[in-house]
PDB file of N, CA and C in Angstrom:
ATOM      1  N   MET A   1       1.267  -0.760   0.603  1.00  0.00           N
ATOM      2  CA  MET A   1      -0.201   0.207  -0.038  1.00  0.00           C
ATOM      3  C   MET A   1       0.851   1.761  -0.070  1.00  0.00           C
ATOM      4  N   GLN A   2       0.287   2.330  -1.269  1.00  0.00           N
ATOM      5  CA  GLN A   2       1.442   3.434  -0.997  1.00  0.00           C
ATOM      6  C   GLN A   2       0.954   4.299   0.053  1.00  0.00           C
ATOM      7  N   LYS A   3       1.650   4.963   1.179  1.00  0.00           N
ATOM      8  CA  LYS A   3       0.619   6.456   1.747  1.00  0.00           C
ATOM      9  C   LYS A   3       1.444   7.610   1.518  1.00  0.00           C
ATOM     10  N   GLU A   4       1.101   8.614   1.286  1.00  0.00           N
ATOM     11  CA  GLU A   4       1.464   9.468   0.996  1.00  0.00           C
ATOM     12  C   GLU A   4       1.126  10.177   2.281  1.00  0.00           C
ATOM     13  N   SER A   5       2.469  11.489   2.364  1.00  0.00           N
ATOM     14  CA  SER A   5       2.492  11.831   3.473  1.00  0.00           C
ATOM     15  C   SER A   5       1.328  13.718   3.774  1.00  0.00           C
ATOM     16  N   VAL A   6       0.550  13.693   4.930  1.00  0.00           N
ATOM     17  CA  VAL A   6      -0.353  15.085   4.302  1.00  0.00           C
ATOM     18  C   VAL A   6      -0.405  16.125   5.503  1.00  0.00           C
ATOM     19  N   TYR A   7      -0.523  17.231   5.354  1.00  0.00           N
ATOM     20  CA  TYR A   7      -0.112  18.536   6.123  1.00  0.00           C
ATOM     21  C   TYR A   7      -1.343  18.356   7.183  1.00  0.00           C
ATOM     22  N   SER A   8      -1.303  17.998   8.400  1.00  0.00           N
ATOM     23  CA  SER A   8      -2.159  17.762   9.636  1.00  0.00           C
ATOM     24  C   SER A   8      -1.718  17.749  10.754  1.00  0.00           C
ATOM     25  N   SER A   9      -2.322  17.983  11.736  1.00  0.00           N
ATOM     26  CA  SER A   9      -1.910  18.338  12.809  1.00  0.00           C
ATOM     27  C   SER A   9      -2.034  16.856  13.989  1.00  0.00           C
ATOM     28  N   ILE A  10      -2.700  16.489  13.202  1.00  0.00           N
ATOM     29  CA  ILE A  10      -2.960  14.837  13.424  1.00  0.00           C
ATOM     30  C   ILE A  10      -1.763  13.705  12.689  1.00  0.00           C
ATOM     31  N   LEU A  11      -2.943  13.438  11.972  1.00  0.00           N
ATOM     32  CA  LEU A  11      -2.577  12.344  10.761  1.00  0.00           C
ATOM     33  C   LEU A  11      -0.480  12.628  10.432  1.00  0.00           C
ATOM     34  N   LYS A  12      -0.183  11.887   9.800  1.00  0.00           N
ATOM     35  CA  LYS A  12       0.702  11.797   9.551  1.00  0.00           C
ATOM     36  C   LYS A  12       1.384  11.362   7.843  1.00  0.00           C
ATOM     37  N   SER A  13       0.395  10.341   7.598  1.00  0.00           N
ATOM     38  CA  SER A  13       0.416   9.994   5.943  1.00  0.00           C
ATOM     39  C   SER A  13      -0.950   8.334   6.347  1.00  0.00           C
ATOM     40  N   ILE A  14      -1.803   8.749   5.145  1.00  0.00           N
ATOM     41  CA  ILE A  14      -2.493   7.780   4.953  1.00  0.00           C
ATOM     42  C   ILE A  14      -2.534   6.962   3.752  1.00  0.00           C
ATOM     43  N   GLY A  15      -2.962   6.579   3.662  1.00  0.00           N
ATOM     44  CA  GLY A  15      -2.960   5.262   2.931  1.00  0.00           C
ATOM     45  C   GLY A  15      -3.560   4.415   2.045  1.00  0.00           C
ATOM     46  N   TYR A  16      -4.222   3.710   1.013  1.00  0.00           N
ATOM     47  CA  TYR A  16      -5.604   3.274   1.092  1.00  0.00           C
ATOM     48  C   TYR A  16      -5.492   1.916  -0.790  1.00  0.00           C
ATOM     49  N   GLU A  17      -5.398   1.223  -0.272  1.00  0.00           N
ATOM     50  CA  GLU A  17      -6.076   0.068  -0.607  1.00  0.00           C
ATOM     51  C   GLU A  17      -7.274   0.052  -1.399  1.00  0.00           C
ATOM     52  N   PRO A  18      -7.484   0.705  -2.203  1.00  0.00           N
ATOM     53  CA  PRO A  18      -8.867  -0.311  -3.500  1.00  0.00           C
ATOM     54  C   PRO A  18      -9.414  -1.458  -3.638  1.00  0.00           C
ATOM     55  N   ALA A  19      -9.395  -2.318  -3.835  1.00  0.00           N
ATOM     56  CA  ALA A  19      -8.875  -3.709  -3.616  1.00  0.00           C
ATOM     57  C   ALA A  19      -9.831  -4.274  -2.402  1.00  0.00           C
ATOM     58  N   LEU A  20      -8.712  -4.024  -1.867  1.00  0.00           N
ATOM     59  CA  LEU A  20      -9.820  -4.448  -0.145  1.00  0.00           C
ATOM     60  C   LEU A  20     -10.565  -3.013   0.824  1.00  0.00           C
ATOM     61  N   LYS A  21     -10.505  -2.215   0.290  1.00  0.00           N
ATOM     62  CA  LYS A  21     -11.201  -1.266   1.012  1.00  0.00           C
ATOM     63  C   LYS A  21     -10.552  -0.572   2.329  1.00  0.00           C
ATOM     64  N   ILE A  22      -9.479  -0.724   2.182  1.00  0.00           N
ATOM     65  CA  ILE A  22      -8.454  -0.801   3.689  1.00  0.00           C
ATOM     66  C   ILE A  22      -7.948   0.576   3.756  1.00  0.00           C
ATOM     67  N   LEU A  23      -8.318   1.718   4.877  1.00  0.00           N
ATOM     68  CA  LEU A  23      -7.325   2.711   4.539  1.00  0.00           C
ATOM     69  C   LEU A  23      -6.660   2.903   5.521  1.00  0.00           C
ATOM     70  N   GLU A  24      -5.228   3.396   5.949  1.00  0.00           N
ATOM     71  CA  GLU A  24      -4.429   2.918   6.423  1.00  0.00           C
ATOM     72  C   GLU A  24      -4.124   4.583   6.925  1.00  0.00           C
ATOM     73  N   ILE A  25      -3.568   4.776   7.703  1.00  0.00           N
ATOM     74  CA  ILE A  25      -3.607   5.897   8.824  1.00  0.00           C
ATOM     75  C   ILE A  25      -2.334   5.910   9.910  1.00  0.00           C
ATOM     76  N   GLU A  26      -1.776   6.791   9.784  1.00  0.00           N
ATOM     77  CA  GLU A  26      -0.365   6.843  10.382  1.00  0.00           C
ATOM     78  C   GLU A  26      -0.672   8.193  11.412  1.00  0.00           C
ATOM     79  N   PHE A  27      -0.433   8.271  12.707  1.00  0.00           N
ATOM     80  CA  PHE A  27      -0.761   9.192  13.471  1.00  0.00           C
ATOM     81  C   PHE A  27       0.954   9.281  13.671  1.00  0.00           C
ATOM     82  N   TYR A  28       1.379  10.974  14.325  1.00  0.00           N
ATOM     83  CA  TYR A  28       1.944  11.505  14.538  1.00  0.00           C
ATOM     84  C   TYR A  28       2.792  11.245  15.712  1.00  0.00           C
ATOM     85  N   ASP A  29       1.647  10.366  16.880  1.00  0.00           N
ATOM     86  CA  ASP A  29       3.020   9.429  17.732  1.00  0.00           C
ATOM     87  C   ASP A  29       3.096   8.462  17.639  1.00  0.00           C
ATOM     88  N   GLY A  30       2.977   8.048  15.962  1.00  0.00           N
ATOM     89  CA  GLY A  30       3.690   6.905  15.985  1.00  0.00           C
ATOM     90  C   GLY A  30       2.758   5.541  15.474  1.00  0.00           C
ATOM     91  N   ILE A  31       1.189   5.719  16.320  1.00  0.00           N
ATOM     92  CA  ILE A  31       0.618   4.552  15.750  1.00  0.00           C
ATOM     93  C   ILE A  31      -0.295   4.744  14.915  1.00  0.00           C
ATOM     94  N   ARG A  32      -0.484   3.060  14.096  1.00  0.00           N
ATOM     95  CA  ARG A  32      -0.734   2.769  12.576  1.00  0.00           C
ATOM     96  C   ARG A  32      -2.067   1.860  13.713  1.00  0.00           C
ATOM     97  N   LEU A  33      -3.666   2.759  12.180  1.00  0.00           N
ATOM     98  CA  LEU A  33      -3.847   1.619  12.094  1.00  0.00           C
ATOM     99  C   LEU A  33      -5.013   1.941  11.055  1.00  0.00           C
ATOM    100  N   GLN A  34      -5.800   0.680  10.521  1.00  0.00           N
ATOM    101  CA  GLN A  34      -5.675   0.483   9.412  1.00  0.00           C
ATOM    102  C   GLN A  34      -7.845   0.686   9.433  1.00  0.00           C
ATOM    103  N   TYR A  35      -8.456   1.589   9.367  1.00  0.00           N
ATOM    104  CA  TYR A  35     -10.296   1.317   8.962  1.00  0.00           C
ATOM    105  C   TYR A  35     -10.240   0.325   7.847  1.00  0.00           C
ATOM    106  N   LEU A  36     -11.295  -0.935   7.815  1.00  0.00           N
ATOM    107  CA  LEU A  36     -11.899  -2.008   6.879  1.00  0.00           C
ATOM    108  C   LEU A  36     -13.063  -1.119   6.120  1.00  0.00           C
ATOM    109  N   ASP A  37     -13.620  -1.753   5.226  1.00  0.00           N
ATOM    110  CA  ASP A  37     -14.795  -1.655   4.746  1.00  0.00           C
ATOM    111  C   ASP A  37     -15.018  -0.049   4.636  1.00  0.00           C
ATOM    112  N   VAL A  38     -13.539   0.743   3.835  1.00  0.00           N
ATOM    113  CA  VAL A  38     -13.945   2.509   2.995  1.00  0.00           C
ATOM    114  C   VAL A  38     -14.599   2.354   2.449  1.00  0.00           C
ATOM    115  N   PRO A  39     -14.823   2.702   1.999  1.00  0.00           N
ATOM    116  CA  PRO A  39     -15.648   3.330   0.276  1.00  0.00           C
ATOM    117  C   PRO A  39     -14.208   4.272   0.303  1.00  0.00           C
ATOM    118  N   LYS A  40     -14.180   3.799  -1.067  1.00  0.00           N
ATOM    119  CA  LYS A  40     -13.178   4.651  -1.826  1.00  0.00           C
ATOM    120  C   LYS A  40     -13.759   5.880  -2.043  1.00  0.00           C
ATOM    121  N   ASN A  41     -14.629   6.269  -1.896  1.00  0.00           N
ATOM    122  CA  ASN A  41     -15.483   7.978  -2.175  1.00  0.00           C
ATOM    123  C   ASN A  41     -15.148   8.329  -1.472  1.00  0.00           C
ATOM    124  N   ILE A  42     -15.246   7.818   0.809  1.00  0.00           N
ATOM    125  CA  ILE A  42     -14.017   8.601   1.235  1.00  0.00           C
ATOM    126  C   ILE A  42     -13.339   8.703   1.347  1.00  0.00           C
ATOM    127  N   PHE A  43     -12.144   7.529   1.113  1.00  0.00           N
ATOM    128  CA  PHE A  43     -10.839   7.958   1.008  1.00  0.00           C
ATOM    129  C   PHE A  43     -10.561   9.227  -0.048  1.00  0.00           C
ATOM    130  N   LYS A  44     -11.295   9.344  -1.339  1.00  0.00           N
ATOM    131  CA  LYS A  44     -10.963  10.590  -1.683  1.00  0.00           C
ATOM    132  C   LYS A  44     -11.650  11.656  -1.289  1.00  0.00           C
ATOM    133  N   LYS A  45     -12.857  11.709  -0.817  1.00  0.00           N
ATOM    134  CA  LYS A  45     -13.045  13.194   0.036  1.00  0.00           C
ATOM    135  C   LYS A  45     -11.984  13.381   1.425  1.00  0.00           C
ATOM    136  N   LEU A  46     -11.563  12.328   1.912  1.00  0.00           N
ATOM    137  CA  LEU A  46     -10.464  12.860   3.003  1.00  0.00           C
ATOM    138  C   LEU A  46      -9.212  12.505   2.356  1.00  0.00           C
ATOM    139  N   MET A  47      -9.041  13.372   1.289  1.00  0.00           N
ATOM    140  CA  MET A  47      -7.622  13.399   0.321  1.00  0.00           C
ATOM    141  C   MET A  47      -7.971  14.637  -0.166  1.00  0.00           C
ATOM    142  N   ASP A  48      -9.220  14.999  -0.408  1.00  0.00           N
ATOM    143  CA  ASP A  48      -9.920  16.278  -0.572  1.00  0.00           C
ATOM    144  C   ASP A  48     -10.362  17.649   0.373  1.00  0.00           C
ATOM    145  N   ALA A  49     -10.537  16.809   1.270  1.00  0.00           N
ATOM    146  CA  ALA A  49     -11.072  17.739   2.001  1.00  0.00           C
ATOM    147  C   ALA A  49      -9.667  19.357   3.088  1.00  0.00           C
ATOM    148  N   ASN A  50     -10.604  19.829   3.057  1.00  0.00           N
ATOM    149  CA  ASN A  50      -9.161  21.500   3.387  1.00  0.00           C
ATOM    150  C   ASN A  50      -8.619  20.752   5.045  1.00  0.00           C
ATOM    151  N   SER A  51      -9.291  19.993   5.493  1.00  0.00           N
ATOM    152  CA  SER A  51      -8.885  19.215   7.150  1.00  0.00           C
ATOM    153  C   SER A  51      -9.194  18.610   7.642  1.00  0.00           C
ATOM    154  N   HIS A  52      -7.941  17.267   6.854  1.00  0.00           N
ATOM    155  CA  HIS A  52      -7.782  16.330   7.083  1.00  0.00           C
ATOM    156  C   HIS A  52      -8.145  15.723   8.843  1.00  0.00           C
ATOM    157  N   GLY A  53      -7.292  15.886   9.601  1.00  0.00           N
ATOM    158  CA  GLY A  53      -7.168  15.861  10.412  1.00  0.00           C
ATOM    159  C   GLY A  53      -9.303  15.958  11.100  1.00  0.00           C
ATOM    160  N   LYS A  54      -9.657  16.940  10.510  1.00  0.00           N
ATOM    161  CA  LYS A  54     -11.302  17.503  11.179  1.00  0.00           C
ATOM    162  C   LYS A  54     -12.284  16.257   9.869  1.00  0.00           C
ATOM    163  N   PHE A  55     -11.296  16.362   8.845  1.00  0.00           N
ATOM    164  CA  PHE A  55     -12.499  14.986   8.727  1.00  0.00           C
ATOM    165  C   PHE A  55     -12.553  13.702   8.662  1.00  0.00           C
ATOM    166  N   PHE A  56     -11.051  13.660   8.888  1.00  0.00           N
ATOM    167  CA  PHE A  56     -11.161  11.850   9.456  1.00  0.00           C
ATOM    168  C   PHE A  56     -12.002  11.637  10.910  1.00  0.00           C
ATOM    169  N   LEU A  57     -11.944  13.035  11.602  1.00  0.00           N
ATOM    170  CA  LEU A  57     -12.246  13.060  13.558  1.00  0.00           C
ATOM    171  C   LEU A  57     -14.301  12.757  13.000  1.00  0.00           C
ATOM    172  N   LYS A  58     -14.319  13.262  12.338  1.00  0.00           N
ATOM    173  CA  LYS A  58     -15.493  13.645  11.656  1.00  0.00           C
ATOM    174  C   LYS A  58     -16.728  12.165  10.913  1.00  0.00           C
ATOM    175  N   ASN A  59     -15.638  12.131  10.349  1.00  0.00           N
ATOM    176  CA  ASN A  59     -16.383  10.885   8.967  1.00  0.00           C
ATOM    177  C   ASN A  59     -16.000   9.280   9.345  1.00  0.00           C
ATOM    178  N   ILE A  60     -14.777   9.435   9.969  1.00  0.00           N
ATOM    179  CA  ILE A  60     -13.856   7.999   9.653  1.00  0.00           C
ATOM    180  C   ILE A  60     -14.006   7.907  11.131  1.00  0.00           C
ATOM    181  N   LYS A  61     -13.417   8.505  12.253  1.00  0.00           N
ATOM    182  CA  LYS A  61     -12.998   7.680  13.362  1.00  0.00           C
ATOM    183  C   LYS A  61     -14.140   7.211  14.223  1.00  0.00           C
ATOM    184  N   ASP A  62     -14.131   6.143  14.537  1.00  0.00           N
ATOM    185  CA  ASP A  62     -15.674   5.409  15.398  1.00  0.00           C
ATOM    186  C   ASP A  62     -16.341   4.881  14.036  1.00  0.00           C
ATOM    187  N   LYS A  63     -16.448   5.421  13.325  1.00  0.00           N
ATOM    188  CA  LYS A  63     -17.559   4.424  12.126  1.00  0.00           C
ATOM    189  C   LYS A  63     -17.152   3.033  11.635  1.00  0.00           C
ATOM    190  N   TYR A  64     -15.788   2.669  11.554  1.00  0.00           N
ATOM    191  CA  TYR A  64     -15.552   1.466  10.694  1.00  0.00           C
ATOM    192  C   TYR A  64     -14.949   0.444  11.551  1.00  0.00           C
ATOM    193  N   ARG A  65     -14.788  -0.496  11.184  1.00  0.00           N
ATOM    194  CA  ARG A  65     -14.057  -1.441  12.299  1.00  0.00           C
ATOM    195  C   ARG A  65     -12.320  -0.627  11.943  1.00  0.00           C
ATOM    196  N   THR A  66     -11.298  -1.159  12.559  1.00  0.00           N
ATOM    197  CA  THR A  66     -10.411  -0.770  12.950  1.00  0.00           C
ATOM    198  C   THR A  66      -9.152  -1.633  13.899  1.00  0.00           C
ATOM    199  N   ILE A  67      -7.890  -1.849  12.607  1.00  0.00           N
ATOM    200  CA  ILE A  67      -7.165  -2.611  12.986  1.00  0.00           C
ATOM    201  C   ILE A  67      -5.604  -2.182  13.699  1.00  0.00           C
ATOM    202  N   LYS A  68      -5.518  -2.282  14.579  1.00  0.00           N
ATOM    203  CA  LYS A  68      -4.323  -1.553  15.250  1.00  0.00           C
ATOM    204  C   LYS A  68      -2.521  -2.236  14.865  1.00  0.00           C
ATOM    205  N   ILE A  69      -1.883  -1.404  13.695  1.00  0.00           N
ATOM    206  CA  ILE A  69      -1.154  -2.096  13.058  1.00  0.00           C
ATOM    207  C   ILE A  69       0.508  -1.635  14.006  1.00  0.00           C
ATOM    208  N   ARG A  70       0.188  -0.375  14.855  1.00  0.00           N
ATOM    209  CA  ARG A  70       1.601  -0.385  15.751  1.00  0.00           C
ATOM    210  C   ARG A  70       1.207   0.924  16.246  1.00  0.00           C
TER     211      ARG A  70
END
């Protein structure tokens, strides 16, 4: 999965695997989480958002099954 660095106060990088619908987010504290069954349009909206962190908190956090990677 390719990850892209983003400008955010809480998110360090974001990656998405469209075939599996897995969104992976790395936070500045080193934690990496995978969010499962995330539609591609949500990933696109996240990447297009003026504030990645605000979009994440409002539309992704606690809305999808999550696996802690690290």
